[in-house]
């Protein structure tokens, strides 16, 4: 594992979120990055490259952990994932549809099921309003 990956994980485990805008990198709250700020500066280009490889999150969803698993992945209900990144992309689109009440475009999956599918593939996300998953 590269130092840049470790730095990203350190900040995220401390509750920090990375904000990426082109070549600008922000961290909210900044206190989550304080212990490793100098290393973050030293590895900024590599960190930006790694963060830009992550999928965009739908409105109301934040990425908690990005550690995609290698395919094939056997899901609990007998489905096999052969292209992890594509599966995550589709599941995020379904999650966005479910959050907007378009259940047919979500494959009729509920929010909790979609969150579970993503987590099984190594993409752990959280809803800004976790009560929605209970509806």
Protein backbone atom coordinates (compact mmCIF):
# COMPACT_ATOMS: atom_id res chain seq x y z
CA UNK A 1 0.00 0.00 0.00
CA UNK A 2 1.37 3.40 -0.94
CA UNK A 3 1.89 6.21 1.52
CA UNK A 4 -0.74 8.29 -0.32
CA UNK A 5 -3.34 5.57 0.25
CA UNK A 6 -2.38 5.39 3.93
CA UNK A 7 -2.69 9.18 4.26
CA UNK A 8 -6.14 9.15 2.67
CA UNK A 9 -7.24 6.39 5.03
CA UNK A 10 -5.78 8.22 8.06
CA UNK A 11 -7.73 11.38 7.27
CA UNK A 12 -10.96 9.51 6.50
CA UNK A 13 -10.70 7.41 9.67
CA UNK A 14 -10.32 10.65 11.63
CA UNK A 15 -13.65 11.79 10.16
CA UNK A 16 -12.25 13.94 7.35
CA UNK A 17 -13.71 14.29 3.87
CA UNK A 18 -11.64 15.21 0.85
CA UNK A 19 -12.95 17.87 -1.50
CA UNK A 20 -11.40 17.76 -4.95
CA UNK A 21 -11.72 20.61 -7.44
CA UNK A 22 -9.26 20.17 -10.29
CA UNK A 23 -5.80 20.50 -8.75
CA UNK A 24 -7.18 21.97 -5.53
CA UNK A 25 -7.52 19.66 -2.56
CA UNK A 26 -9.51 20.51 0.54
CA UNK A 27 -10.23 18.58 3.72
CA UNK A 28 -13.24 19.08 5.96
CA UNK A 29 -12.83 19.38 8.88
CA UNK A 30 -9.24 20.50 8.62
CA UNK A 31 -8.53 19.13 12.10
CA UNK A 32 -8.83 15.59 10.69
CA UNK A 33 -5.73 16.23 8.59
CA UNK A 34 -3.68 18.21 11.11
CA UNK A 35 -1.44 15.30 12.26
CA UNK A 36 -0.43 14.43 8.68
CA UNK A 37 -0.68 17.80 6.93
CA UNK A 38 2.97 17.98 5.89
CA UNK A 39 2.88 14.49 4.36
CA UNK A 40 -0.35 15.40 2.56
CA UNK A 41 1.39 18.39 0.98
CA UNK A 42 4.35 16.26 -0.07
CA UNK A 43 2.13 13.66 -1.75
CA UNK A 44 -0.60 15.98 -3.05
CA UNK A 45 -0.33 15.01 -6.76
CA UNK A 46 -0.56 11.29 -5.99
CA UNK A 47 -3.46 11.89 -3.57
CA UNK A 48 -5.33 13.94 -6.18
CA UNK A 49 -4.75 11.18 -8.73
CA UNK A 50 -6.10 8.52 -6.34
CA UNK A 51 -9.12 10.61 -5.35
CA UNK A 52 -9.96 11.39 -8.98
CA UNK A 53 -10.28 7.64 -9.63
CA UNK A 54 -13.14 7.38 -7.15
CA UNK A 55 -16.71 7.52 -8.43
CA UNK A 56 -18.83 10.63 -8.00
CA UNK A 57 -21.33 10.35 -5.16
CA UNK A 58 -25.02 11.11 -5.63
CA UNK A 59 -26.48 14.07 -3.75
CA UNK A 60 -27.03 13.15 -0.12
CA UNK A 61 -24.42 10.37 -0.15
CA UNK A 62 -20.86 10.48 1.12
CA UNK A 63 -18.07 8.02 0.56
CA UNK A 64 -16.85 6.40 3.77
CA UNK A 65 -14.41 3.82 2.38
CA UNK A 66 -13.10 3.27 -1.13
CA UNK A 67 -11.39 -0.09 -1.34
CA UNK A 68 -12.85 -1.90 -4.37
CA UNK A 69 -12.47 -5.66 -4.20
CA UNK A 70 -11.07 -7.68 -7.05
CA UNK A 71 -13.60 -9.56 -9.15
CA UNK A 72 -15.15 -12.02 -9.09
CA UNK A 73 -17.21 -11.21 -6.02
CA UNK A 74 -19.92 -13.60 -4.93
CA UNK A 75 -22.86 -11.71 -3.44
CA UNK A 76 -25.07 -13.31 -0.82
CA UNK A 77 -28.06 -13.77 -3.09
CA UNK A 78 -26.20 -15.81 -5.74
CA UNK A 79 -25.13 -12.97 -7.99
CA UNK A 80 -21.50 -12.84 -9.16
CA UNK A 81 -19.87 -9.48 -9.85
CA UNK A 82 -17.36 -9.77 -12.68
CA UNK A 83 -16.59 -6.03 -13.15
CA UNK A 84 -16.40 -4.38 -9.74
CA UNK A 85 -16.03 -0.77 -10.88
CA UNK A 86 -18.93 -1.04 -13.34
CA UNK A 87 -21.09 -2.74 -10.70
CA UNK A 88 -20.33 0.09 -8.25
CA UNK A 89 -21.13 2.70 -10.91
CA UNK A 90 -24.50 1.06 -11.65
CA UNK A 91 -25.29 0.61 -7.94
CA UNK A 92 -24.55 4.29 -7.27
CA UNK A 93 -26.90 5.27 -10.11
CA UNK A 94 -29.56 2.99 -8.60
CA UNK A 95 -28.92 4.58 -5.19
CA UNK A 96 -29.43 8.05 -6.67
CA UNK A 97 -32.70 6.90 -8.27
CA UNK A 98 -33.91 5.33 -5.01
CA UNK A 99 -33.14 8.53 -3.10
CA UNK A 100 -35.25 10.44 -5.62
CA UNK A 101 -38.15 7.99 -5.26
CA UNK A 102 -37.66 6.42 -8.70
CA UNK A 103 -37.69 2.84 -7.42
CA UNK A 104 -38.15 1.28 -10.86
CA UNK A 105 -34.84 2.89 -11.94
CA UNK A 106 -33.27 1.54 -8.77
CA UNK A 107 -34.08 -2.00 -9.86
CA UNK A 108 -36.69 -1.97 -7.08
CA UNK A 109 -33.86 -2.25 -4.56
CA UNK A 110 -34.37 -0.51 -1.23
CA UNK A 111 -31.76 1.90 0.10
CA UNK A 112 -30.42 -0.53 2.70
CA UNK A 113 -30.02 -3.25 0.06
CA UNK A 114 -28.13 -0.92 -2.25
CA UNK A 115 -25.87 0.22 0.60
CA UNK A 116 -25.14 -3.43 1.40
CA UNK A 117 -24.37 -4.30 -2.25
CA UNK A 118 -21.90 -1.42 -2.46
CA UNK A 119 -20.22 -2.40 0.81
CA UNK A 120 -19.78 -6.00 -0.35
CA UNK A 121 -17.81 -4.64 -3.31
CA UNK A 122 -15.60 -2.38 -1.17
CA UNK A 123 -17.45 0.91 -1.64
CA UNK A 124 -18.84 1.88 1.75
CA UNK A 125 -21.11 4.91 1.63
CA UNK A 126 -23.33 6.66 4.13
CA UNK A 127 -26.45 8.73 3.67
CA UNK A 128 -26.35 12.30 4.91
CA UNK A 129 -29.78 11.55 6.36
CA UNK A 130 -29.51 7.93 7.63
CA UNK A 131 -33.24 7.87 8.50
CA UNK A 132 -33.97 7.54 4.78
CA UNK A 133 -32.55 4.00 4.79
CA UNK A 134 -35.21 3.02 7.31
CA UNK A 135 -38.11 4.17 5.15
